[in-house]
């Protein structure tokens, strides 16, 4: 479980290697809603933070480089960080990975290997490759250095909106959520953890009191489709200042469309999942802020094909 001191150390380690986040009001005037535009990060997602922290903390890297199993975004960040460090990257993806992410990985010089229909098959192949070659194994989300790197985002958000009450974040395996929640708790900020109904690994873990396997079936599965959440994420979510909510795919589609139609922001479905929690679907919103509550929604990634937005 990373601490806030680990997040501070990560911030020092990756300073100048990642883009500082832009936090913008969602509306004119003194809007109580803010967007953290982390999709502007290198490689298009927050994952660059954890990848840089992990590699920079590793010291001398093996000649075989680094390897990772990913739905796409963590692989992109790992490949980019490896290129920056001058070592090769071998990235294992499920065969269902979006073509836009596969193309970008190859553009970054990664050796891309498509294995099996689900993430778990790609992960097993990646672990075998690391054992056989000596490549440094990087987990997509379940590592304290990855989570601490992700937590630097919340640290920057608080610096830009010091009177923030609540941060809203989408959850997959839990790396971004863990870092965000640890930093938010340090500042006394509530964290709303948002998952698709069809990818509810954190919500199910909270119900069971332990990480459990869940089915993965959502339009946001390419970035949020972890079959189980990390122990770190569960521990962070058990804090009283964390709220876990679920949203339907229809709400995610509508939120993504709203971001484009009203703000000209093109994000992937995983990023739109966070905003979907605030949308009134007719039976109410998954999370309804109190009057005057200052809320920041993390828009965490934009590795998507925007052609269906126009």
C-alpha atoms as a PDB file:
ATOM      1  CA  UNK A   1       0.000   0.000   0.000  1.00  0.00           C
ATOM      2  CA  UNK A   2       1.668   3.264  -1.046  1.00  0.00           C
ATOM      3  CA  UNK A   3       1.715   6.165   1.399  1.00  0.00           C
ATOM      4  CA  UNK A   4       1.556   9.873   0.688  1.00  0.00           C
ATOM      5  CA  UNK A   5       5.319   9.966   1.276  1.00  0.00           C
ATOM      6  CA  UNK A   6       5.660   7.453  -1.585  1.00  0.00           C
ATOM      7  CA  UNK A   7       3.594   9.770  -3.789  1.00  0.00           C
ATOM      8  CA  UNK A   8       5.834  12.696  -2.857  1.00  0.00           C
ATOM      9  CA  UNK A   9       8.899  10.604  -3.726  1.00  0.00           C
ATOM     10  CA  UNK A  10       7.303   9.645  -7.039  1.00  0.00           C
ATOM     11  CA  UNK A  11       6.585  13.293  -7.815  1.00  0.00           C
ATOM     12  CA  UNK A  12      10.260  14.147  -7.328  1.00  0.00           C
ATOM     13  CA  UNK A  13      11.344  11.127  -9.383  1.00  0.00           C
ATOM     14  CA  UNK A  14       9.183  11.912 -12.416  1.00  0.00           C
ATOM     15  CA  UNK A  15       9.362  15.708 -12.331  1.00  0.00           C
ATOM     16  CA  UNK A  16      10.090  17.015 -15.813  1.00  0.00           C
ATOM     17  CA  UNK A  17       9.330  13.608 -17.356  1.00  0.00           C
ATOM     18  CA  UNK A  18       5.521  13.892 -17.438  1.00  0.00           C
ATOM     19  CA  UNK A  19       3.144  16.706 -18.324  1.00  0.00           C
ATOM     20  CA  UNK A  20       1.634  18.586 -15.372  1.00  0.00           C
ATOM     21  CA  UNK A  21      -2.133  18.196 -15.420  1.00  0.00           C
ATOM     22  CA  UNK A  22      -4.408  20.952 -16.644  1.00  0.00           C
ATOM     23  CA  UNK A  23      -7.504  21.407 -14.468  1.00  0.00           C
ATOM     24  CA  UNK A  24     -10.282  23.399 -16.151  1.00  0.00           C
ATOM     25  CA  UNK A  25     -13.735  24.477 -14.989  1.00  0.00           C
ATOM     26  CA  UNK A  26     -16.529  22.603 -16.739  1.00  0.00           C
ATOM     27  CA  UNK A  27     -18.592  25.761 -17.109  1.00  0.00           C
ATOM     28  CA  UNK A  28     -18.268  29.560 -17.044  1.00  0.00           C
ATOM     29  CA  UNK A  29     -17.977  31.619 -13.895  1.00  0.00           C
ATOM     30  CA  UNK A  30     -17.436  29.977 -10.533  1.00  0.00           C
ATOM     31  CA  UNK A  31     -18.329  26.477 -11.679  1.00  0.00           C
ATOM     32  CA  UNK A  32     -18.370  23.848  -8.898  1.00  0.00           C
ATOM     33  CA  UNK A  33     -17.368  21.181 -11.450  1.00  0.00           C
ATOM     34  CA  UNK A  34     -13.830  20.790 -12.775  1.00  0.00           C
ATOM     35  CA  UNK A  35     -12.235  18.510 -15.324  1.00  0.00           C
ATOM     36  CA  UNK A  36      -8.705  17.167 -14.828  1.00  0.00           C
ATOM     37  CA  UNK A  37      -7.493  16.876 -18.432  1.00  0.00           C
ATOM     38  CA  UNK A  38      -5.099  13.996 -17.892  1.00  0.00           C
ATOM     39  CA  UNK A  39      -5.814  12.638 -21.367  1.00  0.00           C
ATOM     40  CA  UNK A  40      -3.295  15.271 -22.489  1.00  0.00           C
ATOM     41  CA  UNK A  41      -0.594  13.227 -20.740  1.00  0.00           C
ATOM     42  CA  UNK A  42       2.178  11.553 -22.764  1.00  0.00           C
ATOM     43  CA  UNK A  43       0.777   8.395 -24.443  1.00  0.00           C
ATOM     44  CA  UNK A  44      -2.742   9.719 -23.862  1.00  0.00           C
ATOM     45  CA  UNK A  45      -3.371   8.513 -20.304  1.00  0.00           C
ATOM     46  CA  UNK A  46      -2.329   8.849 -16.673  1.00  0.00           C
ATOM     47  CA  UNK A  47      -0.372   5.587 -17.057  1.00  0.00           C
ATOM     48  CA  UNK A  48       2.747   7.518 -18.057  1.00  0.00           C
ATOM     49  CA  UNK A  49       3.148   8.606 -14.431  1.00  0.00           C
ATOM     50  CA  UNK A  50       3.304   5.123 -12.957  1.00  0.00           C
ATOM     51  CA  UNK A  51       5.437   3.758 -15.780  1.00  0.00           C
ATOM     52  CA  UNK A  52       8.041   6.486 -15.362  1.00  0.00           C
ATOM     53  CA  UNK A  53       8.094   6.058 -11.592  1.00  0.00           C
ATOM     54  CA  UNK A  54       8.480   2.288 -11.886  1.00  0.00           C
ATOM     55  CA  UNK A  55      11.348   2.379 -14.383  1.00  0.00           C
ATOM     56  CA  UNK A  56      13.182   5.280 -12.745  1.00  0.00           C
ATOM     57  CA  UNK A  57      13.030   3.526  -9.373  1.00  0.00           C
ATOM     58  CA  UNK A  58      14.323   0.252 -10.845  1.00  0.00           C
ATOM     59  CA  UNK A  59      17.890   1.459 -11.339  1.00  0.00           C
ATOM     60  CA  UNK A  60      19.918  -0.340 -14.005  1.00  0.00           C
ATOM     61  CA  UNK A  61      17.584  -2.095 -16.442  1.00  0.00           C
ATOM     62  CA  UNK A  62      18.279  -5.545 -17.959  1.00  0.00           C
ATOM     63  CA  UNK A  63      19.348  -5.913 -21.580  1.00  0.00           C
ATOM     64  CA  UNK A  64      16.044  -7.701 -22.261  1.00  0.00           C
ATOM     65  CA  UNK A  65      14.267  -4.512 -21.251  1.00  0.00           C
ATOM     66  CA  UNK A  66      10.827  -4.423 -19.731  1.00  0.00           C
ATOM     67  CA  UNK A  67       7.678  -6.435 -20.351  1.00  0.00           C
ATOM     68  CA  UNK A  68       4.055  -5.887 -19.446  1.00  0.00           C
ATOM     69  CA  UNK A  69       0.595  -7.346 -20.044  1.00  0.00           C
ATOM     70  CA  UNK A  70      -2.028  -4.741 -20.702  1.00  0.00           C
ATOM     71  CA  UNK A  71      -5.354  -3.905 -22.255  1.00  0.00           C
ATOM     72  CA  UNK A  72      -3.408  -1.236 -24.147  1.00  0.00           C
ATOM     73  CA  UNK A  73      -2.914   1.917 -22.093  1.00  0.00           C
ATOM     74  CA  UNK A  74      -0.403   0.557 -19.574  1.00  0.00           C
ATOM     75  CA  UNK A  75       1.469  -1.050 -22.437  1.00  0.00           C
ATOM     76  CA  UNK A  76       1.682   2.275 -24.241  1.00  0.00           C
ATOM     77  CA  UNK A  77       3.067   3.992 -21.150  1.00  0.00           C
ATOM     78  CA  UNK A  78       5.549   1.180 -20.541  1.00  0.00           C
ATOM     79  CA  UNK A  79       6.737   1.187 -24.165  1.00  0.00           C
ATOM     80  CA  UNK A  80       7.137   4.958 -24.166  1.00  0.00           C
ATOM     81  CA  UNK A  81       9.020   4.950 -20.849  1.00  0.00           C
ATOM     82  CA  UNK A  82      11.244   2.110 -22.048  1.00  0.00           C
ATOM     83  CA  UNK A  83      12.064   4.025 -25.220  1.00  0.00           C
ATOM     84  CA  UNK A  84      12.934   7.062 -23.105  1.00  0.00           C
ATOM     85  CA  UNK A  85      15.225   4.842 -21.006  1.00  0.00           C
ATOM     86  CA  UNK A  86      16.811   3.256 -24.097  1.00  0.00           C
ATOM     87  CA  UNK A  87      15.677  -0.343 -23.500  1.00  0.00           C
ATOM     88  CA  UNK A  88      13.301  -2.619 -25.453  1.00  0.00           C
ATOM     89  CA  UNK A  89       9.685  -3.235 -24.444  1.00  0.00           C
ATOM     90  CA  UNK A  90       7.684  -6.403 -25.056  1.00  0.00           C
ATOM     91  CA  UNK A  91       3.956  -5.868 -24.603  1.00  0.00           C
ATOM     92  CA  UNK A  92       1.392  -8.665 -24.299  1.00  0.00           C
ATOM     93  CA  UNK A  93      -2.199  -7.786 -25.193  1.00  0.00           C
ATOM     94  CA  UNK A  94      -5.429  -9.747 -25.467  1.00  0.00           C
ATOM     95  CA  UNK A  95      -6.527 -10.311 -29.044  1.00  0.00           C
ATOM     96  CA  UNK A  96      -9.471  -7.968 -28.401  1.00  0.00           C
ATOM     97  CA  UNK A  97      -7.209  -4.935 -27.866  1.00  0.00           C
ATOM     98  CA  UNK A  98      -8.307  -1.888 -29.911  1.00  0.00           C
ATOM     99  CA  UNK A  99      -6.403  -1.472 -33.200  1.00  0.00           C
ATOM    100  CA  UNK A 100      -5.663   2.173 -32.378  1.00  0.00           C
ATOM    101  CA  UNK A 101      -3.649   1.062 -29.337  1.00  0.00           C
ATOM    102  CA  UNK A 102      -1.860  -1.738 -31.193  1.00  0.00           C
ATOM    103  CA  UNK A 103      -0.778   0.683 -33.941  1.00  0.00           C
ATOM    104  CA  UNK A 104       0.491   3.201 -31.426  1.00  0.00           C
ATOM    105  CA  UNK A 105       2.461   0.536 -29.554  1.00  0.00           C
ATOM    106  CA  UNK A 106       4.228  -0.486 -32.728  1.00  0.00           C
ATOM    107  CA  UNK A 107       4.914   3.164 -33.528  1.00  0.00           C
ATOM    108  CA  UNK A 108       6.684   3.357 -30.167  1.00  0.00           C
ATOM    109  CA  UNK A 109       8.905   0.438 -31.159  1.00  0.00           C
ATOM    110  CA  UNK A 110       7.339  -2.174 -28.875  1.00  0.00           C
ATOM    111  CA  UNK A 111       7.328  -5.882 -29.663  1.00  0.00           C
ATOM    112  CA  UNK A 112       3.556  -6.503 -29.548  1.00  0.00           C
ATOM    113  CA  UNK A 113       2.242 -10.000 -28.848  1.00  0.00           C
ATOM    114  CA  UNK A 114      -1.488 -10.740 -29.000  1.00  0.00           C
ATOM    115  CA  UNK A 115      -2.382 -13.600 -26.668  1.00  0.00           C
ATOM    116  CA  UNK A 116      -5.808 -15.051 -25.896  1.00  0.00           C
ATOM    117  CA  UNK A 117      -9.258 -13.519 -25.631  1.00  0.00           C
ATOM    118  CA  UNK A 118      -8.770 -11.973 -22.163  1.00  0.00           C
ATOM    119  CA  UNK A 119      -6.185 -10.082 -20.125  1.00  0.00           C
ATOM    120  CA  UNK A 120      -5.437 -13.082 -17.899  1.00  0.00           C
ATOM    121  CA  UNK A 121      -3.993 -15.091 -20.813  1.00  0.00           C
ATOM    122  CA  UNK A 122      -1.801 -12.164 -21.844  1.00  0.00           C
ATOM    123  CA  UNK A 123      -0.639 -11.777 -18.237  1.00  0.00           C
ATOM    124  CA  UNK A 124       0.363 -15.457 -17.955  1.00  0.00           C
ATOM    125  CA  UNK A 125       2.334 -15.251 -21.202  1.00  0.00           C
ATOM    126  CA  UNK A 126       4.043 -12.065 -20.033  1.00  0.00           C
ATOM    127  CA  UNK A 127       5.103 -13.627 -16.731  1.00  0.00           C
ATOM    128  CA  UNK A 128       6.518 -16.640 -18.583  1.00  0.00           C
ATOM    129  CA  UNK A 129       8.422 -14.340 -20.944  1.00  0.00           C
ATOM    130  CA  UNK A 130       9.926 -12.413 -18.019  1.00  0.00           C
ATOM    131  CA  UNK A 131      11.052 -15.644 -16.342  1.00  0.00           C
ATOM    132  CA  UNK A 132      12.618 -16.948 -19.567  1.00  0.00           C
ATOM    133  CA  UNK A 133      14.393 -13.767 -20.695  1.00  0.00           C
ATOM    134  CA  UNK A 134      15.172 -11.814 -17.548  1.00  0.00           C
ATOM    135  CA  UNK A 135      13.106  -8.858 -18.736  1.00  0.00           C
ATOM    136  CA  UNK A 136      11.847  -6.606 -15.949  1.00  0.00           C
ATOM    137  CA  UNK A 137       8.190  -7.468 -15.319  1.00  0.00           C
ATOM    138  CA  UNK A 138       5.901  -4.483 -14.854  1.00  0.00           C
ATOM    139  CA  UNK A 139       2.333  -4.966 -13.718  1.00  0.00           C
ATOM    140  CA  UNK A 140      -0.306  -2.787 -15.361  1.00  0.00           C
ATOM    141  CA  UNK A 141      -1.705  -1.614 -12.022  1.00  0.00           C
ATOM    142  CA  UNK A 142      -0.906  -3.890  -9.066  1.00  0.00           C
ATOM    143  CA  UNK A 143       2.384  -2.433  -7.830  1.00  0.00           C
ATOM    144  CA  UNK A 144       2.978   0.288  -5.200  1.00  0.00           C
ATOM    145  CA  UNK A 145       5.336   2.232  -7.493  1.00  0.00           C
ATOM    146  CA  UNK A 146       2.711   2.254 -10.251  1.00  0.00           C
ATOM    147  CA  UNK A 147       0.013   3.423  -7.825  1.00  0.00           C
ATOM    148  CA  UNK A 148       2.282   6.047  -6.253  1.00  0.00           C
ATOM    149  CA  UNK A 149       3.115   7.433  -9.676  1.00  0.00           C
ATOM    150  CA  UNK A 150      -0.587   7.647 -10.482  1.00  0.00           C
ATOM    151  CA  UNK A 151      -1.160   9.405  -7.169  1.00  0.00           C
ATOM    152  CA  UNK A 152       0.972  12.343  -8.293  1.00  0.00           C
ATOM    153  CA  UNK A 153      -2.020  13.354 -10.428  1.00  0.00           C
ATOM    154  CA  UNK A 154      -4.214  13.932  -7.360  1.00  0.00           C
ATOM    155  CA  UNK A 155      -1.391  15.880  -5.735  1.00  0.00           C
ATOM    156  CA  UNK A 156      -1.361  18.243  -8.727  1.00  0.00           C
ATOM    157  CA  UNK A 157      -5.157  18.533  -8.792  1.00  0.00           C
ATOM    158  CA  UNK A 158      -5.197  19.636  -5.150  1.00  0.00           C
ATOM    159  CA  UNK A 159      -2.537  22.254  -5.857  1.00  0.00           C
ATOM    160  CA  UNK A 160      -4.733  23.728  -8.602  1.00  0.00           C
ATOM    161  CA  UNK A 161      -8.053  23.483  -6.710  1.00  0.00           C
ATOM    162  CA  UNK A 162      -7.067  23.663  -3.029  1.00  0.00           C
ATOM    163  CA  UNK A 163     -10.669  23.924  -1.787  1.00  0.00           C
ATOM    164  CA  UNK A 164     -11.805  20.794  -3.628  1.00  0.00           C
ATOM    165  CA  UNK A 165     -14.332  18.589  -1.824  1.00  0.00           C
ATOM    166  CA  UNK A 166     -14.584  15.512  -4.066  1.00  0.00           C
ATOM    167  CA  UNK A 167     -12.664  13.774  -6.836  1.00  0.00           C
ATOM    168  CA  UNK A 168     -14.397  11.352  -9.214  1.00  0.00           C
ATOM    169  CA  UNK A 169     -12.282   8.623 -10.809  1.00  0.00           C
ATOM    170  CA  UNK A 170     -12.944   5.585 -12.985  1.00  0.00           C
ATOM    171  CA  UNK A 171     -11.675   2.246 -11.668  1.00  0.00           C
ATOM    172  CA  UNK A 172     -10.248  -0.714 -13.557  1.00  0.00           C
ATOM    173  CA  UNK A 173      -7.594  -2.739 -11.755  1.00  0.00           C
ATOM    174  CA  UNK A 174      -7.165   0.036  -9.240  1.00  0.00           C
ATOM    175  CA  UNK A 175      -3.780   1.687  -9.841  1.00  0.00           C
ATOM    176  CA  UNK A 176      -5.138   5.173 -10.510  1.00  0.00           C
ATOM    177  CA  UNK A 177      -7.835   4.770  -7.885  1.00  0.00           C
ATOM    178  CA  UNK A 178      -5.352   3.667  -5.209  1.00  0.00           C
ATOM    179  CA  UNK A 179      -2.974   6.562  -5.788  1.00  0.00           C
ATOM    180  CA  UNK A 180      -5.840   9.033  -6.072  1.00  0.00           C
ATOM    181  CA  UNK A 181      -7.546   7.808  -2.894  1.00  0.00           C
ATOM    182  CA  UNK A 182      -4.331   7.832  -0.831  1.00  0.00           C
ATOM    183  CA  UNK A 183      -3.528  11.397  -1.903  1.00  0.00           C
ATOM    184  CA  UNK A 184      -7.150  12.534  -1.538  1.00  0.00           C
ATOM    185  CA  UNK A 185      -7.350  11.126   1.990  1.00  0.00           C
ATOM    186  CA  UNK A 186      -4.185  13.049   2.870  1.00  0.00           C
ATOM    187  CA  UNK A 187      -5.915  16.272   1.814  1.00  0.00           C
ATOM    188  CA  UNK A 188      -9.309  15.416   3.340  1.00  0.00           C
ATOM    189  CA  UNK A 189     -10.976  15.014  -0.076  1.00  0.00           C
ATOM    190  CA  UNK A 190     -13.710  12.466  -0.798  1.00  0.00           C
ATOM    191  CA  UNK A 191     -13.075   9.944  -3.595  1.00  0.00           C
ATOM    192  CA  UNK A 192     -15.913   8.612  -5.749  1.00  0.00           C
ATOM    193  CA  UNK A 193     -14.858   5.344  -7.412  1.00  0.00           C
ATOM    194  CA  UNK A 194     -16.839   4.692 -10.600  1.00  0.00           C
ATOM    195  CA  UNK A 195     -17.102   1.383 -12.453  1.00  0.00           C
ATOM    196  CA  UNK A 196     -19.250   0.049 -15.282  1.00  0.00           C
ATOM    197  CA  UNK A 197     -21.903  -2.398 -14.150  1.00  0.00           C
ATOM    198  CA  UNK A 198     -20.199  -5.025 -16.330  1.00  0.00           C
ATOM    199  CA  UNK A 199     -16.699  -4.426 -14.871  1.00  0.00           C
ATOM    200  CA  UNK A 200     -17.248  -4.074 -11.133  1.00  0.00           C
ATOM    201  CA  UNK A 201     -14.098  -5.579  -9.638  1.00  0.00           C
ATOM    202  CA  UNK A 202     -13.760  -2.997  -6.821  1.00  0.00           C
ATOM    203  CA  UNK A 203     -17.467  -2.891  -6.003  1.00  0.00           C
ATOM    204  CA  UNK A 204     -17.579  -6.696  -5.844  1.00  0.00           C
ATOM    205  CA  UNK A 205     -14.458  -6.800  -3.655  1.00  0.00           C
ATOM    206  CA  UNK A 206     -16.047  -4.371  -1.200  1.00  0.00           C
ATOM    207  CA  UNK A 207     -19.125  -6.575  -1.013  1.00  0.00           C
ATOM    208  CA  UNK A 208     -17.066  -9.748  -0.471  1.00  0.00           C
ATOM    209  CA  UNK A 209     -14.419  -8.189   1.770  1.00  0.00           C
ATOM    210  CA  UNK A 210     -11.684  -9.498  -0.525  1.00  0.00           C
ATOM    211  CA  UNK A 211     -10.711  -9.313  -4.217  1.00  0.00           C
ATOM    212  CA  UNK A 212     -12.856 -11.670  -6.286  1.00  0.00           C
ATOM    213  CA  UNK A 213     -12.985 -12.633  -9.945  1.00  0.00           C
ATOM    214  CA  UNK A 214     -15.682 -10.824 -11.921  1.00  0.00           C
ATOM    215  CA  UNK A 215     -16.923 -11.091 -15.467  1.00  0.00           C
ATOM    216  CA  UNK A 216     -15.838  -8.368 -17.865  1.00  0.00           C
ATOM    217  CA  UNK A 217     -18.501  -7.072 -20.240  1.00  0.00           C
ATOM    218  CA  UNK A 218     -18.626  -3.346 -20.964  1.00  0.00           C
ATOM    219  CA  UNK A 219     -17.891  -0.829 -23.689  1.00  0.00           C
ATOM    220  CA  UNK A 220     -15.133   0.420 -21.357  1.00  0.00           C
ATOM    221  CA  UNK A 221     -13.577  -3.032 -20.894  1.00  0.00           C
ATOM    222  CA  UNK A 222     -10.473  -2.254 -22.985  1.00  0.00           C
ATOM    223  CA  UNK A 223      -9.265   0.093 -20.232  1.00  0.00           C
ATOM    224  CA  UNK A 224     -11.358  -0.832 -17.161  1.00  0.00           C
ATOM    225  CA  UNK A 225     -11.785  -4.565 -17.713  1.00  0.00           C
ATOM    226  CA  UNK A 226      -9.608  -6.004 -14.945  1.00  0.00           C
ATOM    227  CA  UNK A 227     -11.013  -9.356 -13.754  1.00  0.00           C
ATOM    228  CA  UNK A 228     -10.065  -8.528 -10.173  1.00  0.00           C
ATOM    229  CA  UNK A 229      -9.001  -5.454  -8.287  1.00  0.00           C
ATOM    230  CA  UNK A 230      -5.722  -5.191  -6.376  1.00  0.00           C
ATOM    231  CA  UNK A 231      -5.443  -5.691  -2.609  1.00  0.00           C
ATOM    232  CA  UNK A 232      -4.122  -2.118  -2.455  1.00  0.00           C
ATOM    233  CA  UNK A 233      -7.246  -0.751  -4.108  1.00  0.00           C
ATOM    234  CA  UNK A 234      -9.537  -2.669  -1.790  1.00  0.00           C
ATOM    235  CA  UNK A 235      -7.689  -1.369   1.262  1.00  0.00           C
ATOM    236  CA  UNK A 236      -7.909   2.201  -0.037  1.00  0.00           C
ATOM    237  CA  UNK A 237     -11.615   1.786  -0.829  1.00  0.00           C
ATOM    238  CA  UNK A 238     -12.447   0.679   2.702  1.00  0.00           C
ATOM    239  CA  UNK A 239     -11.714   4.201   3.964  1.00  0.00           C
ATOM    240  CA  UNK A 240     -14.874   6.088   5.040  1.00  0.00           C
ATOM    241  CA  UNK A 241     -14.140   8.918   2.576  1.00  0.00           C
ATOM    242  CA  UNK A 242     -14.542   6.591  -0.442  1.00  0.00           C
ATOM    243  CA  UNK A 243     -17.843   6.030  -2.254  1.00  0.00           C
ATOM    244  CA  UNK A 244     -18.180   3.166  -4.759  1.00  0.00           C
ATOM    245  CA  UNK A 245     -20.784   3.568  -7.531  1.00  0.00           C
ATOM    246  CA  UNK A 246     -21.745   1.721 -10.719  1.00  0.00           C
ATOM    247  CA  UNK A 247     -22.875   3.120 -14.079  1.00  0.00           C
ATOM    248  CA  UNK A 248     -24.500   1.498 -17.086  1.00  0.00           C
ATOM    249  CA  UNK A 249     -22.917   1.440 -20.534  1.00  0.00           C
ATOM    250  CA  UNK A 250     -25.698   3.715 -21.797  1.00  0.00           C
ATOM    251  CA  UNK A 251     -24.650   6.386 -19.301  1.00  0.00           C
ATOM    252  CA  UNK A 252     -21.010   6.004 -20.345  1.00  0.00           C
ATOM    253  CA  UNK A 253     -21.916   6.484 -24.016  1.00  0.00           C
ATOM    254  CA  UNK A 254     -23.978   9.555 -23.148  1.00  0.00           C
ATOM    255  CA  UNK A 255     -21.195  11.058 -21.027  1.00  0.00           C
ATOM    256  CA  UNK A 256     -18.631  10.537 -23.779  1.00  0.00           C
ATOM    257  CA  UNK A 257     -20.958  12.164 -26.279  1.00  0.00           C
ATOM    258  CA  UNK A 258     -21.642  15.047 -23.870  1.00  0.00           C
ATOM    259  CA  UNK A 259     -17.932  15.720 -23.470  1.00  0.00           C
ATOM    260  CA  UNK A 260     -17.620  16.004 -27.234  1.00  0.00           C
ATOM    261  CA  UNK A 261     -20.841  17.910 -27.963  1.00  0.00           C
ATOM    262  CA  UNK A 262     -20.533  20.438 -25.130  1.00  0.00           C
ATOM    263  CA  UNK A 263     -16.784  20.717 -24.559  1.00  0.00           C
ATOM    264  CA  UNK A 264     -15.123  19.342 -27.718  1.00  0.00           C
ATOM    265  CA  UNK A 265     -13.257  16.820 -25.558  1.00  0.00           C
ATOM    266  CA  UNK A 266     -12.709  13.402 -27.156  1.00  0.00           C
ATOM    267  CA  UNK A 267     -11.986  10.685 -24.592  1.00  0.00           C
ATOM    268  CA  UNK A 268     -12.188   6.924 -24.469  1.00  0.00           C
ATOM    269  CA  UNK A 269     -15.087   5.183 -22.776  1.00  0.00           C
ATOM    270  CA  UNK A 270     -13.024   4.448 -19.674  1.00  0.00           C
ATOM    271  CA  UNK A 271     -12.483   8.165 -19.077  1.00  0.00           C
ATOM    272  CA  UNK A 272     -16.138   9.000 -19.739  1.00  0.00           C
ATOM    273  CA  UNK A 273     -17.096   6.456 -17.066  1.00  0.00           C
ATOM    274  CA  UNK A 274     -16.119   8.935 -14.354  1.00  0.00           C
ATOM    275  CA  UNK A 275     -18.383  11.678 -15.689  1.00  0.00           C
ATOM    276  CA  UNK A 276     -21.210   9.172 -16.191  1.00  0.00           C
ATOM    277  CA  UNK A 277     -21.547   8.962 -12.402  1.00  0.00           C
ATOM    278  CA  UNK A 278     -22.802  12.568 -12.306  1.00  0.00           C
ATOM    279  CA  UNK A 279     -25.354  12.232 -15.104  1.00  0.00           C
ATOM    280  CA  UNK A 280     -29.031  12.019 -14.219  1.00  0.00           C
ATOM    281  CA  UNK A 281     -30.280   8.934 -16.028  1.00  0.00           C
ATOM    282  CA  UNK A 282     -33.937   9.508 -15.134  1.00  0.00           C
ATOM    283  CA  UNK A 283     -33.732   7.481 -11.945  1.00  0.00           C
ATOM    284  CA  UNK A 284     -31.085   9.785 -10.513  1.00  0.00           C
ATOM    285  CA  UNK A 285     -27.319  10.040 -10.755  1.00  0.00           C
ATOM    286  CA  UNK A 286     -24.978   7.400  -9.355  1.00  0.00           C
ATOM    287  CA  UNK A 287     -23.393  10.191  -7.314  1.00  0.00           C
ATOM    288  CA  UNK A 288     -25.254  13.437  -6.617  1.00  0.00           C
ATOM    289  CA  UNK A 289     -23.070  16.228  -5.186  1.00  0.00           C
ATOM    290  CA  UNK A 290     -24.484  18.401  -2.424  1.00  0.00           C
ATOM    291  CA  UNK A 291     -25.246  22.038  -3.180  1.00  0.00           C
ATOM    292  CA  UNK A 292     -21.980  23.942  -3.487  1.00  0.00           C
ATOM    293  CA  UNK A 293     -19.837  20.783  -3.407  1.00  0.00           C
ATOM    294  CA  UNK A 294     -16.711  21.345  -5.466  1.00  0.00           C
ATOM    295  CA  UNK A 295     -16.062  18.293  -7.620  1.00  0.00           C
ATOM    296  CA  UNK A 296     -13.260  17.353 -10.013  1.00  0.00           C
ATOM    297  CA  UNK A 297     -13.768  14.600 -12.579  1.00  0.00           C
ATOM    298  CA  UNK A 298     -10.583  12.922 -13.780  1.00  0.00           C
ATOM    299  CA  UNK A 299     -10.656  12.450 -17.557  1.00  0.00           C
ATOM    300  CA  UNK A 300      -7.927   9.869 -17.553  1.00  0.00           C
ATOM    301  CA  UNK A 301      -7.423   8.802 -21.172  1.00  0.00           C
ATOM    302  CA  UNK A 302      -8.119   9.439 -24.848  1.00  0.00           C
ATOM    303  CA  UNK A 303      -6.725   6.457 -26.729  1.00  0.00           C
ATOM    304  CA  UNK A 304      -9.807   6.088 -28.856  1.00  0.00           C
ATOM    305  CA  UNK A 305     -11.083   6.300 -32.394  1.00  0.00           C
ATOM    306  CA  UNK A 306     -13.018   9.605 -32.458  1.00  0.00           C
ATOM    307  CA  UNK A 307     -14.780   8.855 -35.721  1.00  0.00           C
ATOM    308  CA  UNK A 308     -17.957   7.773 -33.953  1.00  0.00           C
ATOM    309  CA  UNK A 309     -18.273  11.148 -32.224  1.00  0.00           C
ATOM    310  CA  UNK A 310     -19.142  13.069 -35.403  1.00  0.00           C
END
